[in-house]
mmCIF file of all heavy atoms, coordinates in Angstrom:
data_MODEL
# 
_entry.id   MODEL 
# 
loop_
_atom_site.group_PDB 
_atom_site.id 
_atom_site.type_symbol 
_atom_site.label_atom_id 
_atom_site.label_alt_id 
_atom_site.label_comp_id 
_atom_site.label_asym_id 
_atom_site.label_entity_id 
_atom_site.label_seq_id 
_atom_site.pdbx_PDB_ins_code 
_atom_site.Cartn_x 
_atom_site.Cartn_y 
_atom_site.Cartn_z 
_atom_site.occupancy 
_atom_site.B_iso_or_equiv 
_atom_site.pdbx_formal_charge 
_atom_site.auth_seq_id 
_atom_site.auth_comp_id 
_atom_site.auth_asym_id 
_atom_site.auth_atom_id 
_atom_site.pdbx_PDB_model_num 
ATOM 1   N N   . CYS A 1 1  ? -20.897 102.897 -101.921 1.00 0.00 ? 1  CYS A N   1 
ATOM 2   C CA  . CYS A 1 1  ? -19.390 102.836 -101.361 1.00 0.00 ? 1  CYS A CA  1 
ATOM 3   C C   . CYS A 1 1  ? -19.364 103.298 -99.849  1.00 0.00 ? 1  CYS A C   1 
ATOM 4   O O   . CYS A 1 1  ? -20.150 104.053 -99.508  1.00 0.00 ? 1  CYS A O   1 
ATOM 5   C CB  . CYS A 1 1  ? -18.530 103.689 -102.122 1.00 0.00 ? 1  CYS A CB  1 
ATOM 6   S SG  . CYS A 1 1  ? -18.311 103.146 -103.856 1.00 0.00 ? 1  CYS A SG  1 
ATOM 7   N N   . SER A 1 2  ? -18.433 102.786 -99.101  1.00 0.00 ? 2  SER A N   1 
ATOM 8   C CA  . SER A 1 2  ? -18.239 103.302 -97.810  1.00 0.00 ? 2  SER A CA  1 
ATOM 9   C C   . SER A 1 2  ? -17.713 104.738 -97.847  1.00 0.00 ? 2  SER A C   1 
ATOM 10  O O   . SER A 1 2  ? -17.190 105.151 -98.926  1.00 0.00 ? 2  SER A O   1 
ATOM 11  C CB  . SER A 1 2  ? -17.214 102.368 -97.056  1.00 0.00 ? 2  SER A CB  1 
ATOM 12  O OG  . SER A 1 2  ? -15.944 102.397 -97.730  1.00 0.00 ? 2  SER A OG  1 
ATOM 13  N N   . LYS A 1 3  ? -17.782 105.390 -96.694  1.00 0.00 ? 3  LYS A N   1 
ATOM 14  C CA  . LYS A 1 3  ? -17.345 106.768 -96.674  1.00 0.00 ? 3  LYS A CA  1 
ATOM 15  C C   . LYS A 1 3  ? -15.840 106.947 -96.976  1.00 0.00 ? 3  LYS A C   1 
ATOM 16  O O   . LYS A 1 3  ? -15.389 107.962 -97.642  1.00 0.00 ? 3  LYS A O   1 
ATOM 17  C CB  . LYS A 1 3  ? -17.584 107.414 -95.328  1.00 0.00 ? 3  LYS A CB  1 
ATOM 18  C CG  . LYS A 1 3  ? -19.156 107.439 -95.002  1.00 0.00 ? 3  LYS A CG  1 
ATOM 19  C CD  . LYS A 1 3  ? -19.419 107.849 -93.631  1.00 0.00 ? 3  LYS A CD  1 
ATOM 20  C CE  . LYS A 1 3  ? -20.941 107.853 -93.265  1.00 0.00 ? 3  LYS A CE  1 
ATOM 21  N NZ  . LYS A 1 3  ? -21.210 108.199 -91.884  1.00 0.00 ? 3  LYS A NZ  1 
ATOM 22  N N   . ALA A 1 4  ? -15.012 106.034 -96.625  1.00 0.00 ? 4  ALA A N   1 
ATOM 23  C CA  . ALA A 1 4  ? -13.675 106.052 -96.854  1.00 0.00 ? 4  ALA A CA  1 
ATOM 24  C C   . ALA A 1 4  ? -13.370 105.939 -98.415  1.00 0.00 ? 4  ALA A C   1 
ATOM 25  O O   . ALA A 1 4  ? -12.580 106.654 -98.973  1.00 0.00 ? 4  ALA A O   1 
ATOM 26  C CB  . ALA A 1 4  ? -12.913 104.917 -96.145  1.00 0.00 ? 4  ALA A CB  1 
ATOM 27  N N   . VAL A 1 5  ? -14.086 105.019 -99.080  1.00 0.00 ? 5  VAL A N   1 
ATOM 28  C CA  . VAL A 1 5  ? -13.930 104.816 -100.451 1.00 0.00 ? 5  VAL A CA  1 
ATOM 29  C C   . VAL A 1 5  ? -14.511 106.023 -101.238 1.00 0.00 ? 5  VAL A C   1 
ATOM 30  O O   . VAL A 1 5  ? -13.750 106.523 -102.205 1.00 0.00 ? 5  VAL A O   1 
ATOM 31  C CB  . VAL A 1 5  ? -14.799 103.683 -100.948 1.00 0.00 ? 5  VAL A CB  1 
ATOM 32  C CG1 . VAL A 1 5  ? -14.644 103.460 -102.475 1.00 0.00 ? 5  VAL A CG1 1 
ATOM 33  C CG2 . VAL A 1 5  ? -14.113 102.407 -100.277 1.00 0.00 ? 5  VAL A CG2 1 
ATOM 34  N N   . ILE A 1 6  ? -15.579 106.720 -100.821 1.00 0.00 ? 6  ILE A N   1 
ATOM 35  C CA  . ILE A 1 6  ? -16.080 107.870 -101.410 1.00 0.00 ? 6  ILE A CA  1 
ATOM 36  C C   . ILE A 1 6  ? -15.075 108.961 -101.376 1.00 0.00 ? 6  ILE A C   1 
ATOM 37  O O   . ILE A 1 6  ? -14.873 109.787 -102.303 1.00 0.00 ? 6  ILE A O   1 
ATOM 38  C CB  . ILE A 1 6  ? -17.351 108.332 -100.775 1.00 0.00 ? 6  ILE A CB  1 
ATOM 39  C CG1 . ILE A 1 6  ? -18.563 107.364 -101.122 1.00 0.00 ? 6  ILE A CG1 1 
ATOM 40  C CG2 . ILE A 1 6  ? -17.746 109.700 -101.206 1.00 0.00 ? 6  ILE A CG2 1 
ATOM 41  C CD1 . ILE A 1 6  ? -19.827 107.518 -100.293 1.00 0.00 ? 6  ILE A CD1 1 
ATOM 42  N N   . ASN A 1 7  ? -14.458 109.186 -100.155 1.00 0.00 ? 7  ASN A N   1 
ATOM 43  C CA  . ASN A 1 7  ? -13.352 110.097 -100.008 1.00 0.00 ? 7  ASN A CA  1 
ATOM 44  C C   . ASN A 1 7  ? -12.198 109.925 -101.094 1.00 0.00 ? 7  ASN A C   1 
ATOM 45  O O   . ASN A 1 7  ? -11.765 110.917 -101.603 1.00 0.00 ? 7  ASN A O   1 
ATOM 46  C CB  . ASN A 1 7  ? -12.703 110.098 -98.622  1.00 0.00 ? 7  ASN A CB  1 
ATOM 47  C CG  . ASN A 1 7  ? -11.733 111.108 -98.371  1.00 0.00 ? 7  ASN A CG  1 
ATOM 48  O OD1 . ASN A 1 7  ? -12.023 112.312 -98.625  1.00 0.00 ? 7  ASN A OD1 1 
ATOM 49  N ND2 . ASN A 1 7  ? -10.494 110.717 -97.940  1.00 0.00 ? 7  ASN A ND2 1 
ATOM 50  N N   . LEU A 1 8  ? -11.815 108.708 -101.290 1.00 0.00 ? 8  LEU A N   1 
ATOM 51  C CA  . LEU A 1 8  ? -10.718 108.404 -102.322 1.00 0.00 ? 8  LEU A CA  1 
ATOM 52  C C   . LEU A 1 8  ? -11.361 108.692 -103.739 1.00 0.00 ? 8  LEU A C   1 
ATOM 53  O O   . LEU A 1 8  ? -10.661 109.409 -104.517 1.00 0.00 ? 8  LEU A O   1 
ATOM 54  C CB  . LEU A 1 8  ? -10.413 106.906 -102.266 1.00 0.00 ? 8  LEU A CB  1 
ATOM 55  C CG  . LEU A 1 8  ? -9.581  106.488 -103.445 1.00 0.00 ? 8  LEU A CG  1 
ATOM 56  C CD1 . LEU A 1 8  ? -8.152  107.174 -103.205 1.00 0.00 ? 8  LEU A CD1 1 
ATOM 57  C CD2 . LEU A 1 8  ? -9.447  104.967 -103.339 1.00 0.00 ? 8  LEU A CD2 1 
ATOM 58  N N   . LEU A 1 9  ? -12.603 108.389 -103.979 1.00 0.00 ? 9  LEU A N   1 
ATOM 59  C CA  . LEU A 1 9  ? -13.186 108.651 -105.381 1.00 0.00 ? 9  LEU A CA  1 
ATOM 60  C C   . LEU A 1 9  ? -13.187 110.152 -105.635 1.00 0.00 ? 9  LEU A C   1 
ATOM 61  O O   . LEU A 1 9  ? -13.004 110.526 -106.757 1.00 0.00 ? 9  LEU A O   1 
ATOM 62  C CB  . LEU A 1 9  ? -14.556 108.043 -105.490 1.00 0.00 ? 9  LEU A CB  1 
ATOM 63  C CG  . LEU A 1 9  ? -14.683 106.564 -105.309 1.00 0.00 ? 9  LEU A CG  1 
ATOM 64  C CD1 . LEU A 1 9  ? -16.105 106.141 -105.389 1.00 0.00 ? 9  LEU A CD1 1 
ATOM 65  C CD2 . LEU A 1 9  ? -13.868 105.731 -106.348 1.00 0.00 ? 9  LEU A CD2 1 
ATOM 66  N N   . ASN A 1 10 ? -13.434 110.927 -104.707 1.00 0.00 ? 10 ASN A N   1 
ATOM 67  C CA  . ASN A 1 10 ? -13.489 112.315 -104.781 1.00 0.00 ? 10 ASN A CA  1 
ATOM 68  C C   . ASN A 1 10 ? -12.079 113.000 -105.007 1.00 0.00 ? 10 ASN A C   1 
ATOM 69  O O   . ASN A 1 10 ? -12.025 114.041 -105.626 1.00 0.00 ? 10 ASN A O   1 
ATOM 70  C CB  . ASN A 1 10 ? -14.058 113.124 -103.638 1.00 0.00 ? 10 ASN A CB  1 
ATOM 71  C CG  . ASN A 1 10 ? -15.586 112.902 -103.564 1.00 0.00 ? 10 ASN A CG  1 
ATOM 72  O OD1 . ASN A 1 10 ? -16.217 112.911 -104.654 1.00 0.00 ? 10 ASN A OD1 1 
ATOM 73  N ND2 . ASN A 1 10 ? -16.124 112.939 -102.356 1.00 0.00 ? 10 ASN A ND2 1 
ATOM 74  N N   . LYS A 1 11 ? -11.141 112.316 -104.832 1.00 0.00 ? 11 LYS A N   1 
ATOM 75  C CA  . LYS A 1 11 ? -9.665  112.697 -105.195 1.00 0.00 ? 11 LYS A CA  1 
ATOM 76  C C   . LYS A 1 11 ? -9.356  112.254 -106.600 1.00 0.00 ? 11 LYS A C   1 
ATOM 77  O O   . LYS A 1 11 ? -8.463  112.822 -107.283 1.00 0.00 ? 11 LYS A O   1 
ATOM 78  C CB  . LYS A 1 11 ? -8.673  112.116 -104.080 1.00 0.00 ? 11 LYS A CB  1 
ATOM 79  C CG  . LYS A 1 11 ? -8.824  112.771 -102.729 1.00 0.00 ? 11 LYS A CG  1 
ATOM 80  C CD  . LYS A 1 11 ? -7.947  112.163 -101.804 1.00 0.00 ? 11 LYS A CD  1 
ATOM 81  C CE  . LYS A 1 11 ? -8.069  112.813 -100.313 1.00 0.00 ? 11 LYS A CE  1 
ATOM 82  N NZ  . LYS A 1 11 ? -7.167  112.264 -99.373  1.00 0.00 ? 11 LYS A NZ  1 
ATOM 83  N N   . VAL A 1 12 ? -9.897  111.067 -107.050 1.00 0.00 ? 12 VAL A N   1 
ATOM 84  C CA  . VAL A 1 12 ? -9.555  110.576 -108.344 1.00 0.00 ? 12 VAL A CA  1 
ATOM 85  C C   . VAL A 1 12 ? -10.271 111.383 -109.363 1.00 0.00 ? 12 VAL A C   1 
ATOM 86  O O   . VAL A 1 12 ? -9.722  111.692 -110.519 1.00 0.00 ? 12 VAL A O   1 
ATOM 87  C CB  . VAL A 1 12 ? -10.115 109.092 -108.330 1.00 0.00 ? 12 VAL A CB  1 
ATOM 88  C CG1 . VAL A 1 12 ? -9.901  108.559 -109.843 1.00 0.00 ? 12 VAL A CG1 1 
ATOM 89  C CG2 . VAL A 1 12 ? -9.354  108.206 -107.358 1.00 0.00 ? 12 VAL A CG2 1 
ATOM 90  N N   . ARG A 1 13 ? -11.569 111.905 -109.146 1.00 0.00 ? 13 ARG A N   1 
ATOM 91  C CA  . ARG A 1 13 ? -12.221 112.737 -110.019 1.00 0.00 ? 13 ARG A CA  1 
ATOM 92  C C   . ARG A 1 13 ? -12.618 114.002 -109.382 1.00 0.00 ? 13 ARG A C   1 
ATOM 93  O O   . ARG A 1 13 ? -12.925 114.021 -108.149 1.00 0.00 ? 13 ARG A O   1 
ATOM 94  C CB  . ARG A 1 13 ? -13.425 112.114 -110.569 1.00 0.00 ? 13 ARG A CB  1 
ATOM 95  C CG  . ARG A 1 13 ? -14.523 111.763 -109.670 1.00 0.00 ? 13 ARG A CG  1 
ATOM 96  C CD  . ARG A 1 13 ? -15.773 111.012 -110.264 1.00 0.00 ? 13 ARG A CD  1 
ATOM 97  N NE  . ARG A 1 13 ? -16.260 111.608 -111.387 1.00 0.00 ? 13 ARG A NE  1 
ATOM 98  C CZ  . ARG A 1 13 ? -17.353 111.117 -112.042 1.00 0.00 ? 13 ARG A CZ  1 
ATOM 99  N NH1 . ARG A 1 13 ? -17.788 109.895 -111.702 1.00 0.00 ? 13 ARG A NH1 1 
ATOM 100 N NH2 . ARG A 1 13 ? -17.694 111.734 -113.076 1.00 0.00 ? 13 ARG A NH2 1 
ATOM 101 N N   . THR A 1 14 ? -12.631 115.156 -110.202 1.00 0.00 ? 14 THR A N   1 
ATOM 102 C CA  . THR A 1 14 ? -12.995 116.395 -109.519 1.00 0.00 ? 14 THR A CA  1 
ATOM 103 C C   . THR A 1 14 ? -14.256 117.103 -110.207 1.00 0.00 ? 14 THR A C   1 
ATOM 104 O O   . THR A 1 14 ? -14.546 118.250 -109.848 1.00 0.00 ? 14 THR A O   1 
ATOM 105 C CB  . THR A 1 14 ? -11.751 117.383 -109.708 1.00 0.00 ? 14 THR A CB  1 
ATOM 106 O OG1 . THR A 1 14 ? -11.302 117.448 -111.115 1.00 0.00 ? 14 THR A OG1 1 
ATOM 107 C CG2 . THR A 1 14 ? -10.561 116.797 -108.920 1.00 0.00 ? 14 THR A CG2 1 
ATOM 108 N N   . ASP A 1 15 ? -14.752 116.474 -111.222 1.00 0.00 ? 15 ASP A N   1 
ATOM 109 C CA  . ASP A 1 15 ? -15.901 117.152 -111.835 1.00 0.00 ? 15 ASP A CA  1 
ATOM 110 C C   . ASP A 1 15 ? -17.115 117.077 -111.051 1.00 0.00 ? 15 ASP A C   1 
ATOM 111 O O   . ASP A 1 15 ? -18.060 117.910 -111.248 1.00 0.00 ? 15 ASP A O   1 
ATOM 112 C CB  . ASP A 1 15 ? -16.134 116.489 -113.186 1.00 0.00 ? 15 ASP A CB  1 
ATOM 113 C CG  . ASP A 1 15 ? -16.384 114.989 -113.099 1.00 0.00 ? 15 ASP A CG  1 
ATOM 114 O OD1 . ASP A 1 15 ? -15.766 114.248 -112.225 1.00 0.00 ? 15 ASP A OD1 1 
ATOM 115 O OD2 . ASP A 1 15 ? -17.280 114.319 -113.825 1.00 0.00 ? 15 ASP A OD2 1 
ATOM 116 N N   . ILE A 1 16 ? -17.356 116.182 -110.081 1.00 0.00 ? 16 ILE A N   1 
ATOM 117 C CA  . ILE A 1 16 ? -18.408 116.107 -109.196 1.00 0.00 ? 16 ILE A CA  1 
ATOM 118 C C   . ILE A 1 16 ? -17.841 115.793 -107.781 1.00 0.00 ? 16 ILE A C   1 
ATOM 119 O O   . ILE A 1 16 ? -16.680 115.237 -107.729 1.00 0.00 ? 16 ILE A O   1 
ATOM 120 C CB  . ILE A 1 16 ? -19.456 115.095 -109.484 1.00 0.00 ? 16 ILE A CB  1 
ATOM 121 C CG1 . ILE A 1 16 ? -18.852 113.636 -109.476 1.00 0.00 ? 16 ILE A CG1 1 
ATOM 122 C CG2 . ILE A 1 16 ? -20.103 115.396 -110.930 1.00 0.00 ? 16 ILE A CG2 1 
ATOM 123 C CD1 . ILE A 1 16 ? -19.937 112.564 -109.714 1.00 0.00 ? 16 ILE A CD1 1 
ATOM 124 N N   . ARG A 1 17 ? -18.591 116.118 -106.888 1.00 0.00 ? 17 ARG A N   1 
ATOM 125 C CA  . ARG A 1 17 ? -18.149 115.692 -105.473 1.00 0.00 ? 17 ARG A CA  1 
ATOM 126 C C   . ARG A 1 17 ? -19.303 114.792 -104.871 1.00 0.00 ? 17 ARG A C   1 
ATOM 127 O O   . ARG A 1 17 ? -20.403 115.176 -104.696 1.00 0.00 ? 17 ARG A O   1 
ATOM 128 C CB  . ARG A 1 17 ? -18.113 116.912 -104.507 1.00 0.00 ? 17 ARG A CB  1 
ATOM 129 C CG  . ARG A 1 17 ? -17.557 116.529 -103.198 1.00 0.00 ? 17 ARG A CG  1 
ATOM 130 C CD  . ARG A 1 17 ? -17.029 117.580 -102.295 1.00 0.00 ? 17 ARG A CD  1 
ATOM 131 N NE  . ARG A 1 17 ? -16.659 117.016 -101.057 1.00 0.00 ? 17 ARG A NE  1 
ATOM 132 C CZ  . ARG A 1 17 ? -15.397 116.495 -100.811 1.00 0.00 ? 17 ARG A CZ  1 
ATOM 133 N NH1 . ARG A 1 17 ? -14.593 116.242 -101.752 1.00 0.00 ? 17 ARG A NH1 1 
ATOM 134 N NH2 . ARG A 1 17 ? -15.088 116.019 -99.676  1.00 0.00 ? 17 ARG A NH2 1 
ATOM 135 N N   . GLN A 1 18 ? -19.035 113.546 -104.695 1.00 0.00 ? 18 GLN A N   1 
ATOM 136 C CA  . GLN A 1 18 ? -19.951 112.560 -104.260 1.00 0.00 ? 18 GLN A CA  1 
ATOM 137 C C   . GLN A 1 18 ? -20.189 112.605 -102.630 1.00 0.00 ? 18 GLN A C   1 
ATOM 138 O O   . GLN A 1 18 ? -19.274 112.843 -101.948 1.00 0.00 ? 18 GLN A O   1 
ATOM 139 C CB  . GLN A 1 18 ? -19.535 111.124 -104.623 1.00 0.00 ? 18 GLN A CB  1 
ATOM 140 C CG  . GLN A 1 18 ? -19.396 110.934 -106.063 1.00 0.00 ? 18 GLN A CG  1 
ATOM 141 C CD  . GLN A 1 18 ? -18.927 109.579 -106.523 1.00 0.00 ? 18 GLN A CD  1 
ATOM 142 O OE1 . GLN A 1 18 ? -19.528 108.604 -106.174 1.00 0.00 ? 18 GLN A OE1 1 
ATOM 143 N NE2 . GLN A 1 18 ? -17.744 109.502 -107.171 1.00 0.00 ? 18 GLN A NE2 1 
ATOM 144 N N   . GLU A 1 19 ? -21.412 112.254 -102.334 1.00 0.00 ? 19 GLU A N   1 
ATOM 145 C CA  . GLU A 1 19 ? -21.747 112.403 -100.864 1.00 0.00 ? 19 GLU A CA  1 
ATOM 146 C C   . GLU A 1 19 ? -22.408 111.046 -100.442 1.00 0.00 ? 19 GLU A C   1 
ATOM 147 O O   . GLU A 1 19 ? -23.215 110.523 -101.355 1.00 0.00 ? 19 GLU A O   1 
ATOM 148 C CB  . GLU A 1 19 ? -22.670 113.488 -100.543 1.00 0.00 ? 19 GLU A CB  1 
ATOM 149 C CG  . GLU A 1 19 ? -22.107 114.945 -100.913 1.00 0.00 ? 19 GLU A CG  1 
ATOM 150 C CD  . GLU A 1 19 ? -20.951 115.296 -99.885  1.00 0.00 ? 19 GLU A CD  1 
ATOM 151 O OE1 . GLU A 1 19 ? -20.915 114.599 -98.774  1.00 0.00 ? 19 GLU A OE1 1 
ATOM 152 O OE2 . GLU A 1 19 ? -20.200 116.237 -100.159 1.00 0.00 ? 19 GLU A OE2 1 
ATOM 153 N N   . PRO A 1 20 ? -22.166 110.512 -99.351  1.00 0.00 ? 20 PRO A N   1 
ATOM 154 C CA  . PRO A 1 20 ? -22.968 109.273 -98.879  1.00 0.00 ? 20 PRO A CA  1 
ATOM 155 C C   . PRO A 1 20 ? -24.379 109.641 -98.900  1.00 0.00 ? 20 PRO A C   1 
ATOM 156 O O   . PRO A 1 20 ? -24.770 110.820 -98.443  1.00 0.00 ? 20 PRO A O   1 
ATOM 157 C CB  . PRO A 1 20 ? -22.272 109.104 -97.473  1.00 0.00 ? 20 PRO A CB  1 
ATOM 158 C CG  . PRO A 1 20 ? -21.004 109.798 -97.395  1.00 0.00 ? 20 PRO A CG  1 
ATOM 159 C CD  . PRO A 1 20 ? -21.221 110.949 -98.307  1.00 0.00 ? 20 PRO A CD  1 
ATOM 160 N N   . ALA A 1 21 ? -25.199 108.712 -99.348  1.00 0.00 ? 21 ALA A N   1 
ATOM 161 C CA  . ALA A 1 21 ? -26.666 108.950 -99.572  1.00 0.00 ? 21 ALA A CA  1 
ATOM 162 C C   . ALA A 1 21 ? -27.523 107.952 -98.903  1.00 0.00 ? 21 ALA A C   1 
ATOM 163 O O   . ALA A 1 21 ? -28.679 108.056 -99.049  1.00 0.00 ? 21 ALA A O   1 
ATOM 164 C CB  . ALA A 1 21 ? -26.995 109.123 -100.997 1.00 0.00 ? 21 ALA A CB  1 
ATOM 165 N N   . GLY A 1 22 ? -26.961 106.962 -98.200  1.00 0.00 ? 22 GLY A N   1 
ATOM 166 C CA  . GLY A 1 22 ? -27.775 105.992 -97.598  1.00 0.00 ? 22 GLY A CA  1 
ATOM 167 C C   . GLY A 1 22 ? -27.078 105.453 -96.256  1.00 0.00 ? 22 GLY A C   1 
ATOM 168 O O   . GLY A 1 22 ? -26.595 106.369 -95.503  1.00 0.00 ? 22 GLY A O   1 
ATOM 169 N N   . ASN A 1 23 ? -27.251 104.265 -95.960  1.00 0.00 ? 23 ASN A N   1 
ATOM 170 C CA  . ASN A 1 23 ? -26.607 103.706 -94.762  1.00 0.00 ? 23 ASN A CA  1 
ATOM 171 C C   . ASN A 1 23 ? -25.208 103.301 -95.126  1.00 0.00 ? 23 ASN A C   1 
ATOM 172 O O   . ASN A 1 23 ? -24.736 102.126 -94.868  1.00 0.00 ? 23 ASN A O   1 
ATOM 173 C CB  . ASN A 1 23 ? -27.389 102.559 -94.244  1.00 0.00 ? 23 ASN A CB  1 
ATOM 174 C CG  . ASN A 1 23 ? -28.731 103.024 -93.831  1.00 0.00 ? 23 ASN A CG  1 
ATOM 175 O OD1 . ASN A 1 23 ? -28.929 104.074 -93.131  1.00 0.00 ? 23 ASN A OD1 1 
ATOM 176 N ND2 . ASN A 1 23 ? -29.763 102.068 -94.060  1.00 0.00 ? 23 ASN A ND2 1 
ATOM 177 N N   . ASN A 1 24 ? -24.402 104.246 -95.628  1.00 0.00 ? 24 ASN A N   1 
ATOM 178 C CA  . ASN A 1 24 ? -22.962 103.971 -96.022  1.00 0.00 ? 24 ASN A CA  1 
ATOM 179 C C   . ASN A 1 24 ? -22.207 103.607 -94.814  1.00 0.00 ? 24 ASN A C   1 
ATOM 180 O O   . ASN A 1 24 ? -22.237 104.168 -93.752  1.00 0.00 ? 24 ASN A O   1 
ATOM 181 C CB  . ASN A 1 24 ? -22.347 105.140 -96.814  1.00 0.00 ? 24 ASN A CB  1 
ATOM 182 C CG  . ASN A 1 24 ? -23.130 105.584 -97.925  1.00 0.00 ? 24 ASN A CG  1 
ATOM 183 O OD1 . ASN A 1 24 ? -24.263 106.075 -97.856  1.00 0.00 ? 24 ASN A OD1 1 
ATOM 184 N ND2 . ASN A 1 24 ? -22.661 105.444 -99.181  1.00 0.00 ? 24 ASN A ND2 1 
ATOM 185 N N   . LEU A 1 25 ? -21.339 102.509 -94.971  1.00 0.00 ? 25 LEU A N   1 
ATOM 186 C CA  . LEU A 1 25 ? -20.357 102.113 -93.904  1.00 0.00 ? 25 LEU A CA  1 
ATOM 187 C C   . LEU A 1 25 ? -19.289 103.108 -93.816  1.00 0.00 ? 25 LEU A C   1 
ATOM 188 O O   . LEU A 1 25 ? -19.025 103.805 -94.803  1.00 0.00 ? 25 LEU A O   1 
ATOM 189 C CB  . LEU A 1 25 ? -19.912 100.720 -94.275  1.00 0.00 ? 25 LEU A CB  1 
ATOM 190 C CG  . LEU A 1 25 ? -20.927 99.659  -94.389  1.00 0.00 ? 25 LEU A CG  1 
ATOM 191 C CD1 . LEU A 1 25 ? -20.176 98.358  -94.703  1.00 0.00 ? 25 LEU A CD1 1 
ATOM 192 C CD2 . LEU A 1 25 ? -21.582 99.381  -92.998  1.00 0.00 ? 25 LEU A CD2 1 
ATOM 193 N N   . SER A 1 26 ? -18.555 103.087 -92.691  1.00 0.00 ? 26 SER A N   1 
ATOM 194 C CA  . SER A 1 26 ? -17.314 103.898 -92.564  1.00 0.00 ? 26 SER A CA  1 
ATOM 195 C C   . SER A 1 26 ? -16.273 103.432 -93.500  1.00 0.00 ? 26 SER A C   1 
ATOM 196 O O   . SER A 1 26 ? -15.593 104.054 -94.186  1.00 0.00 ? 26 SER A O   1 
ATOM 197 C CB  . SER A 1 26 ? -16.905 104.000 -91.094  1.00 0.00 ? 26 SER A CB  1 
ATOM 198 O OG  . SER A 1 26 ? -17.886 104.487 -90.283  1.00 0.00 ? 26 SER A OG  1 
ATOM 199 N N   . GLY A 1 27 ? -16.069 102.097 -93.383  1.00 0.00 ? 27 GLY A N   1 
ATOM 200 C CA  . GLY A 1 27 ? -15.125 101.376 -94.337  1.00 0.00 ? 27 GLY A CA  1 
ATOM 201 C C   . GLY A 1 27 ? -13.704 101.806 -94.312  1.00 0.00 ? 27 GLY A C   1 
ATOM 202 O O   . GLY A 1 27 ? -13.259 102.375 -93.255  1.00 0.00 ? 27 GLY A O   1 
ATOM 203 N N   . GLY A 1 28 ? -12.938 101.573 -95.322  1.00 0.00 ? 28 GLY A N   1 
ATOM 204 C CA  . GLY A 1 28 ? -11.600 101.925 -95.343  1.00 0.00 ? 28 GLY A CA  1 
ATOM 205 C C   . GLY A 1 28 ? -10.998 101.761 -96.764  1.00 0.00 ? 28 GLY A C   1 
ATOM 206 O O   . GLY A 1 28 ? -11.554 100.999 -97.618  1.00 0.00 ? 28 GLY A O   1 
# 
């Protein structure tokens, strides 16, 4: 996922905190 989508996912779930791990796009 793009960084913007990861930021949203981290608000949807709180049991883990995901981090960009590759060439993730900035996205929206």
